[in-house]
Amino acid sequence: MPVYQDYASPEILDWLLQGDPAVRWQAQRDLLDAKPAVYEAERAKVATEGWGARYLAEQDAAGTWAGVLYSPKWTSTHYTLLTLLRIGLPPENPQAIKAARILLDSGFMHDHGINFARGDASRAETCISGMCLNMFSYFDVEDERVHQLAQHMIDQQMEDKGWNCRSHRGATHSSFHTTASALEGLLAYDLRYGENGLPIATAQAQAREFLLQHRLYKSHRTGEIVKDSMTRGAFPPFWQYDFMRALDYFQAAEAQRDERAQDAIDLLLSKRDADGYWPQYRGPSGNYWLQMEAVGKPSRWNTLRALCILRWWYGD
């Protein structure tokens, strides 16, 4: 049986450590078991060097990006802040906290969810709410509305134990996309606040069961792949779901390993090239502040994520 060390060669680990500070600090913490003083010193550089510094430099005086909250999507305040979260910007960063507060103040709805859409101001949007719970929890936004938002996400969980932003329109089957955003938000909330009187652990466990029933990317009825895009893993993921995003959540949550995830693990291993690296995939169309990695080339982000997943799956 393979073990994690079969994939994390010294050469690959050295290659990760030659990358951007955002990659280096996470490799130190998650793959090399460095002491907090070591990886936190590296993490601090995310705000002043490399990709993180370039994103932060695009923030305007008002505290937003591109002068908009949500759309156009990938350069908006919402998605830029989500990207800064994914690359591990220190949570106490004042620029990020300012932006998070703008999103909270601008998007908080009467039902305690979040919506930035101009076309439907009558209710929250569940996918956006999950992403925002993730950001507000990660960036330490001290506000009672964050706890109300967590309760809102619990209340929106559907009968099949996932989430769907179209449930109010009659959808009865959960969405992979919305469920991923909800799970990431609940995990971030749990890491920041603990259960806090809410059934956070139960909601996550039930939603993981929903994904496992689908082998993370297949129809639970036919066993066929739901959508080809789910078999690729562009970094950073935005609202779009893919199997690698799901596995990344499972390892971050330290979920119990389940044989129904084996198909997804096998798929992950099939993406590894002959030299032991994982490639970058093309993200959704639209404008970006920057392209961190070239499509089709070995990706430090995806190699880092894959090794973290394999360490969780196989153990040391």
C-alpha atoms as a PDB file:
ATOM      1  CA  MET A   1       0.000   0.000   0.000  1.00  0.00           C
ATOM      2  CA  PRO A   2       1.376   3.463  -0.865  1.00  0.00           C
ATOM      3  CA  VAL A   3       2.354   5.840   1.898  1.00  0.00           C
ATOM      4  CA  TYR A   4       2.558   9.603   1.913  1.00  0.00           C
ATOM      5  CA  GLN A   5       6.358   9.585   1.622  1.00  0.00           C
ATOM      6  CA  ASP A   6       6.052   7.854  -1.751  1.00  0.00           C
ATOM      7  CA  TYR A   7       4.853  11.176  -3.147  1.00  0.00           C
ATOM      8  CA  ALA A   8       6.561  13.820  -0.982  1.00  0.00           C
ATOM      9  CA  SER A   9      10.128  13.433  -2.188  1.00  0.00           C
ATOM     10  CA  PRO A  10      12.843  15.798  -0.889  1.00  0.00           C
ATOM     11  CA  GLU A  11      13.121  17.265  -4.397  1.00  0.00           C
ATOM     12  CA  ILE A  12       9.425  18.138  -4.526  1.00  0.00           C
ATOM     13  CA  LEU A  13       9.441  19.589  -1.014  1.00  0.00           C
ATOM     14  CA  ASP A  14      12.480  21.724  -1.892  1.00  0.00           C
ATOM     15  CA  TRP A  15      10.681  22.899  -5.029  1.00  0.00           C
ATOM     16  CA  LEU A  16       7.697  24.012  -2.951  1.00  0.00           C
ATOM     17  CA  LEU A  17       9.993  25.916  -0.599  1.00  0.00           C
ATOM     18  CA  GLN A  18      11.442  27.801  -3.552  1.00  0.00           C
ATOM     19  CA  GLY A  19       8.029  29.272  -4.348  1.00  0.00           C
ATOM     20  CA  ASP A  20       6.045  32.279  -3.194  1.00  0.00           C
ATOM     21  CA  PRO A  21       5.800  32.940   0.581  1.00  0.00           C
ATOM     22  CA  ALA A  22       2.138  31.911   0.375  1.00  0.00           C
ATOM     23  CA  VAL A  23       3.181  28.421  -0.697  1.00  0.00           C
ATOM     24  CA  ARG A  24       6.258  28.224   1.525  1.00  0.00           C
ATOM     25  CA  TRP A  25       4.538  28.874   4.836  1.00  0.00           C
ATOM     26  CA  GLN A  26       1.815  26.319   4.182  1.00  0.00           C
ATOM     27  CA  ALA A  27       4.346  23.713   3.088  1.00  0.00           C
ATOM     28  CA  GLN A  28       6.307  24.367   6.284  1.00  0.00           C
ATOM     29  CA  ARG A  29       3.213  23.981   8.455  1.00  0.00           C
ATOM     30  CA  ASP A  30       1.346  21.177   6.693  1.00  0.00           C
ATOM     31  CA  LEU A  31       4.107  19.041   5.189  1.00  0.00           C
ATOM     32  CA  LEU A  32       7.246  19.707   7.235  1.00  0.00           C
ATOM     33  CA  ASP A  33       5.730  20.141  10.713  1.00  0.00           C
ATOM     34  CA  ALA A  34       7.716  23.327  11.277  1.00  0.00           C
ATOM     35  CA  LYS A  35       7.307  25.134  14.574  1.00  0.00           C
ATOM     36  CA  PRO A  36       4.746  27.966  14.611  1.00  0.00           C
ATOM     37  CA  ALA A  37       7.449  30.594  15.007  1.00  0.00           C
ATOM     38  CA  VAL A  38       9.007  29.413  11.754  1.00  0.00           C
ATOM     39  CA  TYR A  39       5.959  29.231   9.520  1.00  0.00           C
ATOM     40  CA  GLU A  40       4.290  32.311  11.007  1.00  0.00           C
ATOM     41  CA  ALA A  41       7.388  34.355  10.178  1.00  0.00           C
ATOM     42  CA  GLU A  42       7.088  33.135   6.608  1.00  0.00           C
ATOM     43  CA  ARG A  43       3.346  33.731   6.612  1.00  0.00           C
ATOM     44  CA  ALA A  44       3.838  37.380   7.545  1.00  0.00           C
ATOM     45  CA  LYS A  45       5.650  37.871   4.238  1.00  0.00           C
ATOM     46  CA  VAL A  46       2.451  37.123   2.299  1.00  0.00           C
ATOM     47  CA  ALA A  47       1.326  40.703   2.948  1.00  0.00           C
ATOM     48  CA  THR A  48       4.582  42.288   1.788  1.00  0.00           C
ATOM     49  CA  GLU A  49       6.030  40.022  -0.900  1.00  0.00           C
ATOM     50  CA  GLY A  50       4.887  38.126  -3.964  1.00  0.00           C
ATOM     51  CA  TRP A  51       1.314  37.355  -4.870  1.00  0.00           C
ATOM     52  CA  GLY A  52      -0.265  38.543  -1.627  1.00  0.00           C
ATOM     53  CA  ALA A  53       1.402  41.934  -1.824  1.00  0.00           C
ATOM     54  CA  ARG A  54       0.296  42.318  -5.439  1.00  0.00           C
ATOM     55  CA  TYR A  55      -3.335  41.623  -4.557  1.00  0.00           C
ATOM     56  CA  LEU A  56      -3.236  44.015  -1.616  1.00  0.00           C
ATOM     57  CA  ALA A  57      -1.707  46.736  -3.782  1.00  0.00           C
ATOM     58  CA  GLU A  58      -4.832  46.711  -5.961  1.00  0.00           C
ATOM     59  CA  GLN A  59      -7.134  47.660  -3.084  1.00  0.00           C
ATOM     60  CA  ASP A  60      -8.506  51.185  -3.447  1.00  0.00           C
ATOM     61  CA  ALA A  61      -8.718  53.891  -0.807  1.00  0.00           C
ATOM     62  CA  ALA A  62     -12.319  52.967  -0.029  1.00  0.00           C
ATOM     63  CA  GLY A  63     -11.220  49.445   0.934  1.00  0.00           C
ATOM     64  CA  THR A  64     -12.660  47.646  -2.084  1.00  0.00           C
ATOM     65  CA  TRP A  65     -11.190  46.054  -5.191  1.00  0.00           C
ATOM     66  CA  ALA A  66     -12.264  47.271  -8.647  1.00  0.00           C
ATOM     67  CA  GLY A  67     -14.729  49.527  -6.844  1.00  0.00           C
ATOM     68  CA  VAL A  68     -17.308  46.735  -6.663  1.00  0.00           C
ATOM     69  CA  LEU A  69     -18.475  44.187  -4.116  1.00  0.00           C
ATOM     70  CA  TYR A  70     -19.225  41.078  -6.173  1.00  0.00           C
ATOM     71  CA  SER A  71     -19.286  41.564  -9.937  1.00  0.00           C
ATOM     72  CA  PRO A  72     -17.335  41.514 -12.225  1.00  0.00           C
ATOM     73  CA  LYS A  73     -16.468  38.478 -10.228  1.00  0.00           C
ATOM     74  CA  TRP A  74     -12.782  37.620 -10.111  1.00  0.00           C
ATOM     75  CA  THR A  75     -11.490  41.179  -9.558  1.00  0.00           C
ATOM     76  CA  SER A  76     -14.296  42.134  -7.167  1.00  0.00           C
ATOM     77  CA  THR A  77     -13.847  42.704  -3.441  1.00  0.00           C
ATOM     78  CA  HIS A  78     -15.585  39.429  -2.601  1.00  0.00           C
ATOM     79  CA  TYR A  79     -13.435  37.184  -4.789  1.00  0.00           C
ATOM     80  CA  THR A  80     -10.175  39.014  -4.189  1.00  0.00           C
ATOM     81  CA  LEU A  81     -10.663  38.639  -0.448  1.00  0.00           C
ATOM     82  CA  LEU A  82     -11.552  34.975  -0.922  1.00  0.00           C
ATOM     83  CA  THR A  83      -8.313  34.503  -2.861  1.00  0.00           C
ATOM     84  CA  LEU A  84      -6.317  36.201  -0.099  1.00  0.00           C
ATOM     85  CA  LEU A  85      -7.882  33.764   2.351  1.00  0.00           C
ATOM     86  CA  ARG A  86      -6.921  30.792   0.190  1.00  0.00           C
ATOM     87  CA  ILE A  87      -3.300  31.878  -0.114  1.00  0.00           C
ATOM     88  CA  GLY A  88      -3.070  32.291   3.642  1.00  0.00           C
ATOM     89  CA  LEU A  89      -2.841  36.030   4.253  1.00  0.00           C
ATOM     90  CA  PRO A  90      -2.481  36.543   8.025  1.00  0.00           C
ATOM     91  CA  PRO A  91      -5.990  36.881   9.518  1.00  0.00           C
ATOM     92  CA  GLU A  92      -5.138  40.075  11.366  1.00  0.00           C
ATOM     93  CA  ASN A  93      -4.264  41.961   8.170  1.00  0.00           C
ATOM     94  CA  PRO A  94      -5.987  45.373   8.467  1.00  0.00           C
ATOM     95  CA  GLN A  95      -6.664  45.734   4.744  1.00  0.00           C
ATOM     96  CA  ALA A  96      -8.473  42.408   4.655  1.00  0.00           C
ATOM     97  CA  ILE A  97     -10.464  43.133   7.802  1.00  0.00           C
ATOM     98  CA  LYS A  98     -11.560  46.491   6.374  1.00  0.00           C
ATOM     99  CA  ALA A  99     -12.785  44.789   3.208  1.00  0.00           C
ATOM    100  CA  ALA A 100     -14.535  42.030   5.153  1.00  0.00           C
ATOM    101  CA  ARG A 101     -16.428  44.614   7.191  1.00  0.00           C
ATOM    102  CA  ILE A 102     -17.501  46.387   4.017  1.00  0.00           C
ATOM    103  CA  LEU A 103     -18.897  43.107   2.697  1.00  0.00           C
ATOM    104  CA  LEU A 104     -20.700  42.402   5.958  1.00  0.00           C
ATOM    105  CA  ASP A 105     -22.214  45.874   6.217  1.00  0.00           C
ATOM    106  CA  SER A 106     -23.221  45.946   2.554  1.00  0.00           C
ATOM    107  CA  GLY A 107     -24.550  42.421   2.140  1.00  0.00           C
ATOM    108  CA  PHE A 108     -26.183  41.419   5.438  1.00  0.00           C
ATOM    109  CA  MET A 109     -29.853  40.638   4.903  1.00  0.00           C
ATOM    110  CA  HIS A 110     -32.946  40.594   7.098  1.00  0.00           C
ATOM    111  CA  ASP A 111     -32.842  36.777   7.081  1.00  0.00           C
ATOM    112  CA  HIS A 112     -29.256  36.902   8.437  1.00  0.00           C
ATOM    113  CA  GLY A 113     -27.646  35.698   5.237  1.00  0.00           C
ATOM    114  CA  ILE A 114     -25.640  37.627   2.646  1.00  0.00           C
ATOM    115  CA  ASN A 115     -26.548  38.866  -0.824  1.00  0.00           C
ATOM    116  CA  PHE A 116     -24.819  41.415  -3.054  1.00  0.00           C
ATOM    117  CA  ALA A 117     -26.945  40.826  -6.134  1.00  0.00           C
ATOM    118  CA  ARG A 118     -28.892  43.824  -7.354  1.00  0.00           C
ATOM    119  CA  GLY A 119     -31.598  41.730  -8.967  1.00  0.00           C
ATOM    120  CA  ASP A 120     -32.882  39.961  -5.833  1.00  0.00           C
ATOM    121  CA  ALA A 121     -32.746  41.980  -2.648  1.00  0.00           C
ATOM    122  CA  SER A 122     -35.508  39.981  -0.957  1.00  0.00           C
ATOM    123  CA  ARG A 123     -33.426  37.090   0.379  1.00  0.00           C
ATOM    124  CA  ALA A 124     -29.889  35.936   1.016  1.00  0.00           C
ATOM    125  CA  GLU A 125     -27.917  33.891  -1.497  1.00  0.00           C
ATOM    126  CA  THR A 126     -26.735  30.662   0.114  1.00  0.00           C
ATOM    127  CA  CYS A 127     -23.527  30.168  -1.876  1.00  0.00           C
ATOM    128  CA  ILE A 128     -22.418  33.749  -1.235  1.00  0.00           C
ATOM    129  CA  SER A 129     -23.403  33.390   2.424  1.00  0.00           C
ATOM    130  CA  GLY A 130     -21.175  30.329   2.819  1.00  0.00           C
ATOM    131  CA  MET A 131     -18.192  32.037   1.223  1.00  0.00           C
ATOM    132  CA  CYS A 132     -18.721  35.100   3.397  1.00  0.00           C
ATOM    133  CA  LEU A 133     -18.967  33.027   6.578  1.00  0.00           C
ATOM    134  CA  ASN A 134     -15.612  31.563   5.566  1.00  0.00           C
ATOM    135  CA  MET A 135     -14.059  35.007   5.108  1.00  0.00           C
ATOM    136  CA  PHE A 136     -15.617  36.677   8.144  1.00  0.00           C
ATOM    137  CA  SER A 137     -14.528  33.808  10.393  1.00  0.00           C
ATOM    138  CA  TYR A 138     -11.025  33.591   8.942  1.00  0.00           C
ATOM    139  CA  PHE A 139     -10.364  37.324   9.127  1.00  0.00           C
ATOM    140  CA  ASP A 140     -11.566  37.599  12.726  1.00  0.00           C
ATOM    141  CA  VAL A 141     -14.481  39.965  12.117  1.00  0.00           C
ATOM    142  CA  GLU A 142     -15.832  40.528  15.605  1.00  0.00           C
ATOM    143  CA  ASP A 143     -19.548  41.059  15.056  1.00  0.00           C
ATOM    144  CA  GLU A 144     -22.715  39.380  16.316  1.00  0.00           C
ATOM    145  CA  ARG A 145     -23.927  39.146  12.723  1.00  0.00           C
ATOM    146  CA  VAL A 146     -21.243  36.536  12.003  1.00  0.00           C
ATOM    147  CA  HIS A 147     -22.900  34.200  14.523  1.00  0.00           C
ATOM    148  CA  GLN A 148     -26.297  34.948  13.013  1.00  0.00           C
ATOM    149  CA  LEU A 149     -24.862  34.098   9.609  1.00  0.00           C
ATOM    150  CA  ALA A 150     -23.630  30.743  10.941  1.00  0.00           C
ATOM    151  CA  GLN A 151     -27.123  30.009  12.248  1.00  0.00           C
ATOM    152  CA  HIS A 152     -28.539  30.998   8.869  1.00  0.00           C
ATOM    153  CA  MET A 153     -26.307  28.429   7.144  1.00  0.00           C
ATOM    154  CA  ILE A 154     -27.462  25.716   9.542  1.00  0.00           C
ATOM    155  CA  ASP A 155     -31.080  26.669   8.840  1.00  0.00           C
ATOM    156  CA  GLN A 156     -30.546  26.428   5.081  1.00  0.00           C
ATOM    157  CA  GLN A 157     -29.316  22.825   5.152  1.00  0.00           C
ATOM    158  CA  MET A 158     -31.637  20.718   3.012  1.00  0.00           C
ATOM    159  CA  GLU A 159     -33.271  17.344   3.561  1.00  0.00           C
ATOM    160  CA  ASP A 160     -30.459  15.525   1.727  1.00  0.00           C
ATOM    161  CA  LYS A 161     -28.041  17.392   4.060  1.00  0.00           C
ATOM    162  CA  GLY A 162     -26.360  19.571   1.466  1.00  0.00           C
ATOM    163  CA  TRP A 163     -27.168  23.093   0.355  1.00  0.00           C
ATOM    164  CA  ASN A 164     -28.533  24.656  -2.824  1.00  0.00           C
ATOM    165  CA  CYS A 165     -28.834  28.375  -3.527  1.00  0.00           C
ATOM    166  CA  ARG A 166     -31.940  27.567  -5.615  1.00  0.00           C
ATOM    167  CA  SER A 167     -33.842  25.779  -2.868  1.00  0.00           C
ATOM    168  CA  HIS A 168     -36.215  28.731  -2.561  1.00  0.00           C
ATOM    169  CA  ARG A 169     -37.065  28.196  -6.241  1.00  0.00           C
ATOM    170  CA  GLY A 170     -38.053  24.608  -5.620  1.00  0.00           C
ATOM    171  CA  ALA A 171     -34.743  22.727  -5.944  1.00  0.00           C
ATOM    172  CA  THR A 172     -34.881  19.529  -3.891  1.00  0.00           C
ATOM    173  CA  HIS A 173     -31.400  18.130  -4.588  1.00  0.00           C
ATOM    174  CA  SER A 174     -28.385  19.862  -3.126  1.00  0.00           C
ATOM    175  CA  SER A 175     -25.749  21.562  -5.254  1.00  0.00           C
ATOM    176  CA  PHE A 176     -22.107  20.473  -5.130  1.00  0.00           C
ATOM    177  CA  HIS A 177     -21.050  24.111  -5.551  1.00  0.00           C
ATOM    178  CA  THR A 178     -23.187  25.505  -2.744  1.00  0.00           C
ATOM    179  CA  THR A 179     -22.420  22.600  -0.426  1.00  0.00           C
ATOM    180  CA  ALA A 180     -18.667  23.154  -0.792  1.00  0.00           C
ATOM    181  CA  SER A 181     -18.996  26.838   0.080  1.00  0.00           C
ATOM    182  CA  ALA A 182     -21.232  26.052   3.046  1.00  0.00           C
ATOM    183  CA  LEU A 183     -18.852  23.399   4.377  1.00  0.00           C
ATOM    184  CA  GLU A 184     -15.820  25.665   4.082  1.00  0.00           C
ATOM    185  CA  GLY A 185     -17.705  28.427   5.882  1.00  0.00           C
ATOM    186  CA  LEU A 186     -18.819  26.176   8.718  1.00  0.00           C
ATOM    187  CA  LEU A 187     -15.311  24.755   9.112  1.00  0.00           C
ATOM    188  CA  ALA A 188     -13.793  28.247   9.311  1.00  0.00           C
ATOM    189  CA  TYR A 189     -16.427  29.248  11.859  1.00  0.00           C
ATOM    190  CA  ASP A 190     -15.734  26.144  13.934  1.00  0.00           C
ATOM    191  CA  LEU A 191     -11.980  26.779  13.888  1.00  0.00           C
ATOM    192  CA  ARG A 192     -12.526  30.376  14.994  1.00  0.00           C
ATOM    193  CA  TYR A 193     -15.393  30.042  17.477  1.00  0.00           C
ATOM    194  CA  GLY A 194     -15.954  26.340  18.137  1.00  0.00           C
ATOM    195  CA  GLU A 195     -19.481  24.983  18.227  1.00  0.00           C
ATOM    196  CA  ASN A 196     -20.707  28.146  19.984  1.00  0.00           C
ATOM    197  CA  GLY A 197     -24.023  26.467  20.743  1.00  0.00           C
ATOM    198  CA  LEU A 198     -24.664  25.496  17.131  1.00  0.00           C
ATOM    199  CA  PRO A 199     -24.626  21.961  15.658  1.00  0.00           C
ATOM    200  CA  ILE A 200     -21.646  22.798  13.452  1.00  0.00           C
ATOM    201  CA  ALA A 201     -19.989  19.372  13.645  1.00  0.00           C
ATOM    202  CA  THR A 202     -23.243  17.539  12.941  1.00  0.00           C
ATOM    203  CA  ALA A 203     -24.054  19.734   9.941  1.00  0.00           C
ATOM    204  CA  GLN A 204     -20.609  19.142   8.477  1.00  0.00           C
ATOM    205  CA  ALA A 205     -20.713  15.392   9.062  1.00  0.00           C
ATOM    206  CA  GLN A 206     -24.110  15.127   7.395  1.00  0.00           C
ATOM    207  CA  ALA A 207     -22.968  17.192   4.401  1.00  0.00           C
ATOM    208  CA  ARG A 208     -19.814  15.096   4.028  1.00  0.00           C
ATOM    209  CA  GLU A 209     -22.099  12.070   3.856  1.00  0.00           C
ATOM    210  CA  PHE A 210     -23.975  13.753   0.997  1.00  0.00           C
ATOM    211  CA  LEU A 211     -20.704  14.197  -0.921  1.00  0.00           C
ATOM    212  CA  LEU A 212     -19.524  10.675  -0.139  1.00  0.00           C
ATOM    213  CA  GLN A 213     -22.773   9.220  -1.463  1.00  0.00           C
ATOM    214  CA  HIS A 214     -21.731  10.862  -4.728  1.00  0.00           C
ATOM    215  CA  ARG A 215     -18.116   9.638  -4.517  1.00  0.00           C
ATOM    216  CA  LEU A 216     -17.350  13.396  -4.466  1.00  0.00           C
ATOM    217  CA  TYR A 217     -17.968  13.896  -8.184  1.00  0.00           C
ATOM    218  CA  LYS A 218     -20.364  11.229  -9.482  1.00  0.00           C
ATOM    219  CA  SER A 219     -24.091  10.750  -9.779  1.00  0.00           C
ATOM    220  CA  HIS A 220     -25.475   8.765  -6.866  1.00  0.00           C
ATOM    221  CA  ARG A 221     -27.973   7.204  -9.303  1.00  0.00           C
ATOM    222  CA  THR A 222     -25.834   6.219 -12.294  1.00  0.00           C
ATOM    223  CA  GLY A 223     -22.255   6.442 -11.043  1.00  0.00           C
ATOM    224  CA  GLU A 224     -21.391   8.655 -14.010  1.00  0.00           C
ATOM    225  CA  ILE A 225     -19.239  11.758 -13.653  1.00  0.00           C
ATOM    226  CA  VAL A 226     -21.583  14.671 -13.009  1.00  0.00           C
ATOM    227  CA  LYS A 227     -19.550  17.171 -15.036  1.00  0.00           C
ATOM    228  CA  ASP A 228     -16.079  16.981 -16.569  1.00  0.00           C
ATOM    229  CA  SER A 229     -15.078  20.273 -14.950  1.00  0.00           C
ATOM    230  CA  MET A 230     -15.431  18.558 -11.570  1.00  0.00           C
ATOM    231  CA  THR A 231     -12.497  16.297 -12.450  1.00  0.00           C
ATOM    232  CA  ARG A 232     -10.081  19.209 -12.743  1.00  0.00           C
ATOM    233  CA  GLY A 233      -8.712  21.426 -10.002  1.00  0.00           C
ATOM    234  CA  ALA A 234      -7.944  25.030 -10.875  1.00  0.00           C
ATOM    235  CA  PHE A 235      -6.415  27.115  -8.106  1.00  0.00           C
ATOM    236  CA  PRO A 236      -7.791  29.252  -6.634  1.00  0.00           C
ATOM    237  CA  PRO A 237     -11.285  27.788  -6.627  1.00  0.00           C
ATOM    238  CA  PHE A 238     -13.982  30.432  -6.466  1.00  0.00           C
ATOM    239  CA  TRP A 239     -17.593  29.254  -6.185  1.00  0.00           C
ATOM    240  CA  GLN A 240     -17.041  26.376  -8.615  1.00  0.00           C
ATOM    241  CA  TYR A 241     -16.865  22.846  -7.242  1.00  0.00           C
ATOM    242  CA  ASP A 242     -14.333  20.190  -8.187  1.00  0.00           C
ATOM    243  CA  PHE A 243     -13.149  16.950  -6.643  1.00  0.00           C
ATOM    244  CA  MET A 244      -9.875  18.455  -5.432  1.00  0.00           C
ATOM    245  CA  ARG A 245     -11.633  21.270  -3.609  1.00  0.00           C
ATOM    246  CA  ALA A 246     -13.759  18.642  -1.870  1.00  0.00           C
ATOM    247  CA  LEU A 247     -10.761  16.521  -0.885  1.00  0.00           C
ATOM    248  CA  ASP A 248      -8.973  19.634   0.349  1.00  0.00           C
ATOM    249  CA  TYR A 249     -11.904  20.364   2.640  1.00  0.00           C
ATOM    250  CA  PHE A 250     -11.964  16.769   3.923  1.00  0.00           C
ATOM    251  CA  GLN A 251      -8.282  16.901   4.862  1.00  0.00           C
ATOM    252  CA  ALA A 252      -8.560  20.366   6.423  1.00  0.00           C
ATOM    253  CA  ALA A 253     -11.485  19.133   8.525  1.00  0.00           C
ATOM    254  CA  GLU A 254      -9.462  16.050   9.511  1.00  0.00           C
ATOM    255  CA  ALA A 255     -12.476  13.973   8.509  1.00  0.00           C
ATOM    256  CA  GLN A 256     -12.460  10.245   9.005  1.00  0.00           C
ATOM    257  CA  ARG A 257     -11.249   8.464   5.904  1.00  0.00           C
ATOM    258  CA  ASP A 258     -14.011   6.682   4.009  1.00  0.00           C
ATOM    259  CA  GLU A 259     -13.591   4.135   1.209  1.00  0.00           C
ATOM    260  CA  ARG A 260     -16.165   6.030  -0.855  1.00  0.00           C
ATOM    261  CA  ALA A 261     -13.539   8.744  -1.366  1.00  0.00           C
ATOM    262  CA  GLN A 262     -11.162   6.228  -2.985  1.00  0.00           C
ATOM    263  CA  ASP A 263     -12.372   7.086  -6.493  1.00  0.00           C
ATOM    264  CA  ALA A 264     -11.461  10.718  -5.882  1.00  0.00           C
ATOM    265  CA  ILE A 265      -8.057   9.746  -4.471  1.00  0.00           C
ATOM    266  CA  ASP A 266      -7.398   7.566  -7.525  1.00  0.00           C
ATOM    267  CA  LEU A 267      -8.389  10.462  -9.757  1.00  0.00           C
ATOM    268  CA  LEU A 268      -6.027  12.742  -7.858  1.00  0.00           C
ATOM    269  CA  LEU A 269      -3.138  10.319  -8.342  1.00  0.00           C
ATOM    270  CA  SER A 270      -3.926  10.039 -12.048  1.00  0.00           C
ATOM    271  CA  LYS A 271      -3.322  13.785 -12.399  1.00  0.00           C
ATOM    272  CA  ARG A 272       0.276  13.481 -11.164  1.00  0.00           C
ATOM    273  CA  ASP A 273       2.859  13.829 -13.928  1.00  0.00           C
ATOM    274  CA  ALA A 274       5.876  11.589 -14.515  1.00  0.00           C
ATOM    275  CA  ASP A 275       8.078  13.811 -12.346  1.00  0.00           C
ATOM    276  CA  GLY A 276       5.679  13.788  -9.405  1.00  0.00           C
ATOM    277  CA  TYR A 277       4.038  17.196  -9.820  1.00  0.00           C
ATOM    278  CA  TRP A 278       0.411  18.226 -10.276  1.00  0.00           C
ATOM    279  CA  PRO A 279      -0.471  20.740 -13.030  1.00  0.00           C
ATOM    280  CA  GLN A 280      -2.416  23.951 -12.951  1.00  0.00           C
ATOM    281  CA  TYR A 281      -5.780  23.945 -14.718  1.00  0.00           C
ATOM    282  CA  ARG A 282      -7.600  26.731 -16.495  1.00  0.00           C
ATOM    283  CA  GLY A 283      -9.925  28.678 -14.247  1.00  0.00           C
ATOM    284  CA  PRO A 284     -13.265  30.223 -15.188  1.00  0.00           C
ATOM    285  CA  SER A 285     -13.260  32.885 -17.873  1.00  0.00           C
ATOM    286  CA  GLY A 286     -13.049  36.527 -16.857  1.00  0.00           C
ATOM    287  CA  ASN A 287     -10.556  39.137 -15.750  1.00  0.00           C
ATOM    288  CA  TYR A 288      -7.967  38.421 -13.069  1.00  0.00           C
ATOM    289  CA  TRP A 289      -5.616  40.693 -11.158  1.00  0.00           C
ATOM    290  CA  LEU A 290      -2.851  38.221 -11.908  1.00  0.00           C
ATOM    291  CA  GLN A 291      -2.239  34.658 -12.980  1.00  0.00           C
ATOM    292  CA  MET A 292      -0.264  33.020 -10.212  1.00  0.00           C
ATOM    293  CA  GLU A 293       0.714  29.980 -12.282  1.00  0.00           C
ATOM    294  CA  ALA A 294       0.738  28.964 -15.926  1.00  0.00           C
ATOM    295  CA  VAL A 295      -1.989  26.614 -17.107  1.00  0.00           C
ATOM    296  CA  GLY A 296      -0.674  23.154 -17.974  1.00  0.00           C
ATOM    297  CA  LYS A 297       2.606  23.631 -16.120  1.00  0.00           C
ATOM    298  CA  PRO A 298       3.582  22.084 -12.774  1.00  0.00           C
ATOM    299  CA  SER A 299       1.681  23.934 -10.080  1.00  0.00           C
ATOM    300  CA  ARG A 300       3.062  24.548  -6.627  1.00  0.00           C
ATOM    301  CA  TRP A 301      -0.457  25.209  -5.402  1.00  0.00           C
ATOM    302  CA  ASN A 302      -1.917  21.965  -6.690  1.00  0.00           C
ATOM    303  CA  THR A 303       1.136  19.954  -5.701  1.00  0.00           C
ATOM    304  CA  LEU A 304       0.910  21.380  -2.186  1.00  0.00           C
ATOM    305  CA  ARG A 305      -2.802  20.647  -2.000  1.00  0.00           C
ATOM    306  CA  ALA A 306      -2.359  17.132  -3.375  1.00  0.00           C
ATOM    307  CA  LEU A 307       0.373  16.289  -0.875  1.00  0.00           C
ATOM    308  CA  CYS A 308      -1.736  17.592   2.022  1.00  0.00           C
ATOM    309  CA  ILE A 309      -4.611  15.409   0.837  1.00  0.00           C
ATOM    310  CA  LEU A 310      -2.390  12.347   0.481  1.00  0.00           C
ATOM    311  CA  ARG A 311      -0.873  12.900   3.902  1.00  0.00           C
ATOM    312  CA  TRP A 312      -4.369  12.900   5.365  1.00  0.00           C
ATOM    313  CA  TRP A 313      -5.395   9.831   3.371  1.00  0.00           C
ATOM    314  CA  TYR A 314      -2.338   7.646   3.843  1.00  0.00           C
ATOM    315  CA  GLY A 315      -0.864   9.097   7.013  1.00  0.00           C
ATOM    316  CA  ASP A 316       2.841   9.596   7.607  1.00  0.00           C
END
